[in-house]
N, C-alpha and C. Protein backbone atom coordinates (compact mmCIF):
# COMPACT_ATOMS: atom_id res chain seq x y z
N MET A 1 50.17 102.65 137.15
CA MET A 1 50.63 101.36 136.70
C MET A 1 50.23 100.34 137.74
N GLY A 2 49.44 99.41 137.35
CA GLY A 2 48.93 98.41 138.29
C GLY A 2 49.85 97.21 138.37
N VAL A 3 49.34 96.16 139.00
CA VAL A 3 50.09 94.93 139.18
C VAL A 3 50.39 94.29 137.82
N GLU A 4 49.43 94.36 136.93
CA GLU A 4 49.63 93.77 135.60
C GLU A 4 50.75 94.47 134.84
N GLY A 5 50.78 95.80 134.94
CA GLY A 5 51.82 96.58 134.26
C GLY A 5 53.19 96.29 134.84
N THR A 6 53.26 96.12 136.17
CA THR A 6 54.54 95.83 136.82
C THR A 6 55.04 94.45 136.41
N LEU A 7 54.15 93.47 136.39
CA LEU A 7 54.55 92.12 135.99
C LEU A 7 55.03 92.10 134.54
N GLU A 8 54.37 92.83 133.70
CA GLU A 8 54.74 92.91 132.29
C GLU A 8 56.13 93.53 132.13
N TYR A 9 56.37 94.58 132.91
CA TYR A 9 57.66 95.29 132.88
C TYR A 9 58.78 94.35 133.33
N ILE A 10 58.57 93.62 134.42
CA ILE A 10 59.59 92.71 134.94
C ILE A 10 59.84 91.57 133.95
N SER A 11 58.77 91.04 133.36
CA SER A 11 58.96 89.94 132.40
C SER A 11 59.73 90.42 131.16
N ASP A 12 59.51 91.66 130.73
CA ASP A 12 60.27 92.21 129.60
C ASP A 12 61.74 92.34 129.95
N LEU A 13 62.03 92.78 131.20
CA LEU A 13 63.41 92.91 131.64
C LEU A 13 64.10 91.55 131.64
N LEU A 14 63.44 90.54 132.19
CA LEU A 14 64.03 89.22 132.28
C LEU A 14 64.23 88.59 130.90
N SER A 15 63.29 88.79 130.03
CA SER A 15 63.43 88.21 128.70
C SER A 15 64.55 88.89 127.91
N SER A 16 64.79 90.18 128.15
CA SER A 16 65.87 90.87 127.44
C SER A 16 67.23 90.45 127.96
N VAL A 17 67.31 90.02 129.22
CA VAL A 17 68.58 89.55 129.78
C VAL A 17 68.94 88.20 129.18
N LYS A 18 67.95 87.35 128.97
CA LYS A 18 68.19 86.01 128.45
C LYS A 18 68.65 86.05 127.00
N LYS A 19 68.12 86.94 126.22
CA LYS A 19 68.46 87.03 124.80
C LYS A 19 69.72 87.87 124.62
N LYS A 20 70.72 87.27 124.07
CA LYS A 20 71.93 88.04 123.76
C LYS A 20 71.77 88.57 122.35
N LYS A 21 71.97 89.83 122.23
CA LYS A 21 71.83 90.44 120.91
C LYS A 21 73.13 90.24 120.13
N LYS A 22 73.03 89.60 119.00
CA LYS A 22 74.19 89.41 118.15
C LYS A 22 74.27 90.56 117.15
N LYS A 23 75.48 91.01 116.97
CA LYS A 23 75.67 92.07 115.98
C LYS A 23 75.59 91.45 114.60
N LYS A 24 74.85 92.09 113.75
CA LYS A 24 74.78 91.63 112.37
C LYS A 24 76.03 92.11 111.65
N LYS A 25 76.64 91.20 110.95
CA LYS A 25 77.81 91.59 110.17
C LYS A 25 77.34 92.39 108.96
N GLN A 26 78.13 93.36 108.61
CA GLN A 26 77.78 94.18 107.46
C GLN A 26 78.53 93.67 106.24
N ILE A 27 77.94 93.89 105.10
CA ILE A 27 78.60 93.50 103.86
C ILE A 27 79.80 94.41 103.65
N GLN A 28 80.93 93.79 103.39
CA GLN A 28 82.17 94.54 103.17
C GLN A 28 82.73 94.17 101.80
N THR A 29 83.52 95.07 101.28
CA THR A 29 84.25 94.80 100.05
C THR A 29 85.74 94.88 100.36
N VAL A 30 86.44 93.80 100.11
CA VAL A 30 87.87 93.74 100.37
C VAL A 30 88.58 93.62 99.03
N ALA A 31 89.47 94.56 98.77
CA ALA A 31 90.23 94.55 97.51
C ALA A 31 91.68 94.17 97.81
N LEU A 32 92.22 93.28 97.00
CA LEU A 32 93.58 92.81 97.18
C LEU A 32 94.38 92.99 95.90
N LYS A 33 95.66 93.27 96.07
CA LYS A 33 96.58 93.29 94.93
C LYS A 33 97.34 91.97 94.99
N ILE A 34 97.14 91.14 93.95
CA ILE A 34 97.74 89.81 93.91
C ILE A 34 98.52 89.66 92.62
N ARG A 35 99.75 89.19 92.74
CA ARG A 35 100.57 88.96 91.54
C ARG A 35 100.06 87.72 90.84
N MET A 36 99.49 87.92 89.63
CA MET A 36 98.97 86.82 88.83
C MET A 36 99.56 86.94 87.42
N ASP A 37 100.01 85.82 86.89
CA ASP A 37 100.66 85.83 85.58
C ASP A 37 99.75 85.38 84.45
N CYS A 38 98.81 84.48 84.74
CA CYS A 38 98.02 83.90 83.66
C CYS A 38 96.59 83.63 84.13
N GLU A 39 95.77 83.12 83.22
CA GLU A 39 94.38 82.79 83.54
C GLU A 39 94.30 81.69 84.59
N GLY A 40 95.24 80.77 84.56
CA GLY A 40 95.26 79.69 85.55
C GLY A 40 95.46 80.23 86.96
N CYS A 41 96.35 81.21 87.10
CA CYS A 41 96.56 81.86 88.41
C CYS A 41 95.28 82.55 88.86
N ALA A 42 94.63 83.23 87.93
CA ALA A 42 93.41 83.96 88.27
C ALA A 42 92.31 82.99 88.71
N ARG A 43 92.20 81.83 88.02
CA ARG A 43 91.20 80.83 88.40
C ARG A 43 91.49 80.27 89.78
N LYS A 44 92.76 80.01 90.06
CA LYS A 44 93.16 79.47 91.36
C LYS A 44 92.82 80.45 92.48
N VAL A 45 93.14 81.73 92.27
CA VAL A 45 92.86 82.76 93.27
C VAL A 45 91.35 82.89 93.48
N LYS A 46 90.59 82.88 92.39
CA LYS A 46 89.13 83.01 92.50
C LYS A 46 88.53 81.83 93.25
N LYS A 47 89.03 80.64 93.02
CA LYS A 47 88.53 79.45 93.69
C LYS A 47 88.81 79.52 95.19
N VAL A 48 90.01 79.92 95.56
CA VAL A 48 90.38 80.01 96.98
C VAL A 48 89.57 81.09 97.68
N LEU A 49 89.44 82.26 97.04
CA LEU A 49 88.70 83.36 97.67
C LEU A 49 87.21 83.08 97.74
N SER A 50 86.68 82.30 96.81
CA SER A 50 85.26 81.93 96.86
C SER A 50 84.98 81.01 98.05
N GLY A 51 86.00 80.30 98.49
CA GLY A 51 85.85 79.38 99.62
C GLY A 51 85.87 80.06 100.98
N VAL A 52 86.15 81.35 101.03
CA VAL A 52 86.16 82.07 102.31
C VAL A 52 84.73 82.15 102.83
N LYS A 53 84.57 81.85 104.11
CA LYS A 53 83.24 81.86 104.71
C LYS A 53 82.65 83.27 104.66
N GLY A 54 81.46 83.38 104.09
CA GLY A 54 80.76 84.67 104.02
C GLY A 54 80.94 85.39 102.70
N ALA A 55 81.80 84.88 101.81
CA ALA A 55 82.04 85.55 100.53
C ALA A 55 80.84 85.36 99.62
N LYS A 56 80.27 86.45 99.14
CA LYS A 56 79.13 86.40 98.23
C LYS A 56 79.56 86.44 96.77
N SER A 57 80.52 87.31 96.46
CA SER A 57 81.01 87.39 95.08
C SER A 57 82.51 87.67 95.07
N VAL A 58 83.16 87.14 94.06
CA VAL A 58 84.60 87.33 93.89
C VAL A 58 84.85 87.77 92.47
N ASP A 59 85.53 88.89 92.30
CA ASP A 59 85.89 89.39 90.98
C ASP A 59 87.42 89.44 90.89
N VAL A 60 87.96 88.91 89.81
CA VAL A 60 89.41 88.91 89.61
C VAL A 60 89.70 89.65 88.32
N ASP A 61 90.55 90.67 88.41
CA ASP A 61 90.97 91.44 87.24
C ASP A 61 92.44 91.18 87.00
N LEU A 62 92.73 90.37 86.00
CA LEU A 62 94.10 89.96 85.72
C LEU A 62 94.96 91.13 85.27
N LYS A 63 94.37 92.04 84.49
CA LYS A 63 95.14 93.17 83.96
C LYS A 63 95.63 94.10 85.08
N GLN A 64 94.76 94.37 86.05
CA GLN A 64 95.14 95.26 87.15
C GLN A 64 95.77 94.50 88.31
N GLN A 65 95.83 93.17 88.23
CA GLN A 65 96.36 92.34 89.32
C GLN A 65 95.53 92.57 90.59
N LYS A 66 94.21 92.60 90.44
CA LYS A 66 93.31 92.95 91.54
C LYS A 66 92.25 91.88 91.72
N ALA A 67 91.98 91.56 92.99
CA ALA A 67 90.88 90.65 93.33
C ALA A 67 89.99 91.37 94.33
N THR A 68 88.68 91.32 94.11
CA THR A 68 87.72 91.99 94.97
C THR A 68 86.75 90.96 95.51
N VAL A 69 86.64 90.90 96.85
CA VAL A 69 85.73 89.96 97.52
C VAL A 69 84.65 90.79 98.20
N THR A 70 83.39 90.45 97.94
CA THR A 70 82.27 91.15 98.55
C THR A 70 81.44 90.14 99.33
N GLY A 71 81.04 90.55 100.53
CA GLY A 71 80.21 89.67 101.36
C GLY A 71 80.42 89.95 102.82
N TYR A 72 79.99 89.01 103.64
CA TYR A 72 80.14 89.14 105.09
C TYR A 72 81.49 88.56 105.48
N VAL A 73 82.56 89.26 105.12
CA VAL A 73 83.92 88.76 105.31
C VAL A 73 84.74 89.76 106.12
N GLU A 74 85.83 89.25 106.67
CA GLU A 74 86.80 90.10 107.36
C GLU A 74 88.05 90.18 106.49
N ALA A 75 88.66 91.34 106.48
CA ALA A 75 89.83 91.56 105.62
C ALA A 75 90.98 90.62 105.98
N LYS A 76 91.18 90.37 107.27
CA LYS A 76 92.28 89.50 107.70
C LYS A 76 92.10 88.08 107.17
N LYS A 77 90.86 87.57 107.22
CA LYS A 77 90.61 86.21 106.75
C LYS A 77 90.78 86.10 105.24
N VAL A 78 90.35 87.12 104.52
CA VAL A 78 90.50 87.11 103.06
C VAL A 78 91.98 87.18 102.70
N LEU A 79 92.73 88.02 103.41
CA LEU A 79 94.16 88.15 103.15
C LEU A 79 94.89 86.84 103.45
N ALA A 80 94.51 86.18 104.54
CA ALA A 80 95.13 84.89 104.88
C ALA A 80 94.82 83.83 103.83
N ALA A 81 93.59 83.82 103.35
CA ALA A 81 93.21 82.85 102.32
C ALA A 81 93.99 83.12 101.03
N ALA A 82 94.15 84.37 100.67
CA ALA A 82 94.89 84.71 99.45
C ALA A 82 96.37 84.36 99.59
N GLN A 83 96.91 84.51 100.78
CA GLN A 83 98.32 84.18 100.99
C GLN A 83 98.56 82.68 100.93
N SER A 84 97.51 81.89 101.13
CA SER A 84 97.66 80.44 101.05
C SER A 84 97.91 79.98 99.62
N THR A 85 97.71 80.85 98.63
CA THR A 85 97.99 80.50 97.23
C THR A 85 99.46 80.66 96.89
N LYS A 86 100.26 81.10 97.85
CA LYS A 86 101.72 81.30 97.67
C LYS A 86 102.03 82.38 96.65
N LYS A 87 101.12 83.32 96.50
CA LYS A 87 101.34 84.46 95.61
C LYS A 87 101.65 85.69 96.47
N LYS A 88 102.27 86.68 95.84
CA LYS A 88 102.54 87.93 96.54
C LYS A 88 101.22 88.69 96.68
N VAL A 89 100.81 88.96 97.93
CA VAL A 89 99.49 89.54 98.19
C VAL A 89 99.62 90.71 99.16
N GLU A 90 98.84 91.76 98.90
CA GLU A 90 98.71 92.88 99.83
C GLU A 90 97.33 93.50 99.63
N LEU A 91 96.87 94.22 100.64
CA LEU A 91 95.60 94.92 100.49
C LEU A 91 95.75 95.95 99.38
N TRP A 92 94.69 96.25 98.67
CA TRP A 92 94.74 97.18 97.53
C TRP A 92 95.26 98.52 98.00
N PRO A 93 96.44 98.94 97.54
CA PRO A 93 97.07 100.16 98.06
C PRO A 93 96.70 101.43 97.33
N TYR A 94 95.89 101.35 96.26
CA TYR A 94 95.65 102.52 95.43
C TYR A 94 94.30 103.17 95.70
N VAL A 95 94.29 104.49 95.60
CA VAL A 95 93.06 105.28 95.71
C VAL A 95 93.07 106.30 94.58
N PRO A 96 91.91 106.84 94.19
CA PRO A 96 91.90 107.89 93.18
C PRO A 96 92.71 109.10 93.66
N TYR A 97 93.46 109.69 92.76
CA TYR A 97 94.36 110.77 93.19
C TYR A 97 93.61 111.99 93.71
N THR A 98 92.31 112.10 93.42
CA THR A 98 91.55 113.24 93.94
C THR A 98 91.27 113.11 95.43
N LEU A 99 91.42 111.91 96.00
CA LEU A 99 91.15 111.71 97.42
C LEU A 99 92.39 111.92 98.30
N VAL A 100 93.54 112.11 97.69
CA VAL A 100 94.78 112.27 98.44
C VAL A 100 95.12 113.75 98.51
N ALA A 101 95.52 114.21 99.71
CA ALA A 101 95.83 115.63 99.89
C ALA A 101 97.01 116.06 99.03
N ASN A 102 98.08 115.28 99.02
CA ASN A 102 99.26 115.59 98.22
C ASN A 102 99.58 114.41 97.31
N PRO A 103 98.95 114.32 96.14
CA PRO A 103 99.16 113.14 95.29
C PRO A 103 100.53 113.06 94.64
N TYR A 104 101.34 114.11 94.75
CA TYR A 104 102.62 114.10 94.07
C TYR A 104 103.79 113.93 95.01
N VAL A 105 103.56 113.53 96.27
CA VAL A 105 104.68 113.25 97.17
C VAL A 105 105.32 111.95 96.71
N ALA A 106 106.56 111.75 97.12
CA ALA A 106 107.33 110.61 96.64
C ALA A 106 106.69 109.28 97.00
N GLN A 107 106.08 109.18 98.18
CA GLN A 107 105.51 107.90 98.60
C GLN A 107 104.26 107.55 97.79
N ALA A 108 103.55 108.54 97.26
CA ALA A 108 102.28 108.31 96.60
C ALA A 108 102.45 107.88 95.15
N TYR A 109 103.46 108.35 94.48
CA TYR A 109 103.61 108.06 93.06
C TYR A 109 104.07 106.62 92.85
N ASP A 110 103.41 105.92 91.96
CA ASP A 110 103.76 104.54 91.65
C ASP A 110 103.50 104.31 90.17
N LYS A 111 104.52 103.88 89.43
CA LYS A 111 104.37 103.67 87.99
C LYS A 111 103.39 102.54 87.67
N LYS A 112 103.24 101.60 88.59
CA LYS A 112 102.38 100.44 88.34
C LYS A 112 100.92 100.70 88.71
N ALA A 113 100.63 101.88 89.22
CA ALA A 113 99.25 102.20 89.62
C ALA A 113 98.35 102.31 88.40
N PRO A 114 97.07 101.95 88.56
CA PRO A 114 96.12 102.12 87.46
C PRO A 114 95.98 103.61 87.11
N PRO A 115 95.44 103.93 85.94
CA PRO A 115 95.29 105.34 85.57
C PRO A 115 94.47 106.11 86.60
N ASN A 116 94.87 107.34 86.87
CA ASN A 116 94.22 108.25 87.82
C ASN A 116 94.21 107.74 89.25
N HIS A 117 95.14 106.86 89.60
CA HIS A 117 95.25 106.36 90.96
C HIS A 117 96.67 106.57 91.47
N VAL A 118 96.79 106.74 92.78
CA VAL A 118 98.09 106.82 93.45
C VAL A 118 98.03 105.93 94.68
N ARG A 119 99.19 105.66 95.27
CA ARG A 119 99.22 104.87 96.49
C ARG A 119 98.58 105.65 97.63
N LYS A 120 97.92 104.92 98.51
CA LYS A 120 97.31 105.56 99.67
C LYS A 120 98.43 105.88 100.66
N VAL A 121 98.56 107.15 101.02
CA VAL A 121 99.58 107.58 101.98
C VAL A 121 98.89 108.29 103.14
N PRO A 122 99.52 108.29 104.30
CA PRO A 122 98.91 109.01 105.43
C PRO A 122 98.79 110.50 105.14
N ALA A 123 97.82 111.14 105.77
CA ALA A 123 97.59 112.57 105.53
C ALA A 123 98.76 113.41 106.01
N SER A 124 99.59 112.86 106.88
CA SER A 124 100.72 113.62 107.41
C SER A 124 101.86 113.73 106.40
N ALA A 125 101.84 112.93 105.35
CA ALA A 125 102.89 112.98 104.34
C ALA A 125 102.78 114.30 103.56
N THR A 126 103.86 115.05 103.54
CA THR A 126 103.86 116.33 102.84
C THR A 126 105.04 116.41 101.90
N VAL A 127 104.99 117.39 101.04
CA VAL A 127 106.08 117.63 100.13
C VAL A 127 107.17 118.35 100.91
N SER A 128 108.35 117.75 100.96
CA SER A 128 109.44 118.37 101.72
C SER A 128 110.30 119.19 100.76
N GLU A 129 110.58 120.40 101.16
CA GLU A 129 111.41 121.26 100.33
C GLU A 129 112.87 121.07 100.71
N THR A 130 113.73 121.11 99.74
CA THR A 130 115.15 121.01 100.02
C THR A 130 115.75 122.40 99.96
N THR A 131 117.00 122.51 100.37
CA THR A 131 117.65 123.82 100.35
C THR A 131 117.82 124.32 98.92
N ILE A 132 117.99 123.40 97.98
CA ILE A 132 118.12 123.81 96.58
C ILE A 132 116.81 124.45 96.10
N ASP A 133 115.68 123.85 96.48
CA ASP A 133 114.40 124.41 96.10
C ASP A 133 114.22 125.81 96.68
N ASN A 134 114.66 126.00 97.91
CA ASN A 134 114.54 127.32 98.54
C ASN A 134 115.40 128.36 97.81
N ARG A 135 116.58 127.97 97.36
CA ARG A 135 117.44 128.92 96.65
C ARG A 135 116.77 129.40 95.37
N TYR A 136 116.17 128.48 94.62
CA TYR A 136 115.50 128.87 93.39
C TYR A 136 114.26 129.71 93.67
N THR A 137 113.55 129.39 94.73
CA THR A 137 112.37 130.16 95.09
C THR A 137 112.76 131.58 95.48
N ASN A 138 113.82 131.72 96.26
CA ASN A 138 114.27 133.04 96.69
C ASN A 138 114.86 133.84 95.53
N LEU A 139 115.39 133.17 94.53
CA LEU A 139 115.99 133.85 93.39
C LEU A 139 114.96 134.70 92.64
N PHE A 140 113.71 134.25 92.59
CA PHE A 140 112.67 134.96 91.87
C PHE A 140 111.63 135.60 92.79
N SER A 141 111.96 135.73 94.08
CA SER A 141 111.02 136.27 95.05
C SER A 141 110.95 137.80 94.96
N ASP A 142 109.76 138.36 95.22
CA ASP A 142 109.61 139.82 95.25
C ASP A 142 110.23 140.42 96.50
N ASP A 143 110.40 139.61 97.53
CA ASP A 143 110.98 140.11 98.79
C ASP A 143 112.50 140.25 98.70
N ASN A 144 113.12 139.60 97.75
CA ASN A 144 114.56 139.63 97.62
C ASN A 144 114.95 140.82 96.75
N PRO A 145 115.74 141.77 97.29
CA PRO A 145 116.13 142.94 96.49
C PRO A 145 117.08 142.59 95.34
N ASN A 146 117.81 141.48 95.48
CA ASN A 146 118.74 141.06 94.44
C ASN A 146 118.10 140.07 93.47
N ALA A 147 116.79 139.96 93.48
CA ALA A 147 116.09 138.99 92.64
C ALA A 147 116.23 139.34 91.17
N CYS A 148 115.89 138.45 90.35
CA CYS A 148 115.96 138.63 88.91
C CYS A 148 115.05 139.79 88.49
N SER A 149 115.59 140.68 87.67
CA SER A 149 114.80 141.84 87.26
C SER A 149 113.91 141.54 86.06
N ILE A 150 114.05 140.38 85.47
CA ILE A 150 113.24 140.02 84.32
C ILE A 150 111.77 139.87 84.75
N MET A 151 111.57 139.38 85.93
CA MET A 151 110.21 139.16 86.44
C MET A 151 109.51 140.50 86.47
């Protein structure tokens, strides 16, 4: 490596120090559950969410009470904008029941959930057995000598 190669190497180092690399924001999809009663509410929510910086598209589903914002947005900013409409707002709490380890635990079941969806619960949530459940389980157990003979 000669003098020319060394100078080139040093100039590359200096030019890389001067340029700050900005992270490119990735396109995100933020889903919100918003209480909407009529088409006017849906239009108001869509107008407010369209005004969020970086929002590319906004879809509002009145039947499911759901608003979906896609673009270079942050969930906190979208949530804050939606709350400015004075409506009850939360991040979309539902996931397909096939993605949940225990979809039938008490925290996951919700009557208002869309078909084939349950509330998102932490993986640590398990089905807790009560003493009554244990009594019925032991009543028909093969290990219990006094178990029901019908089995």
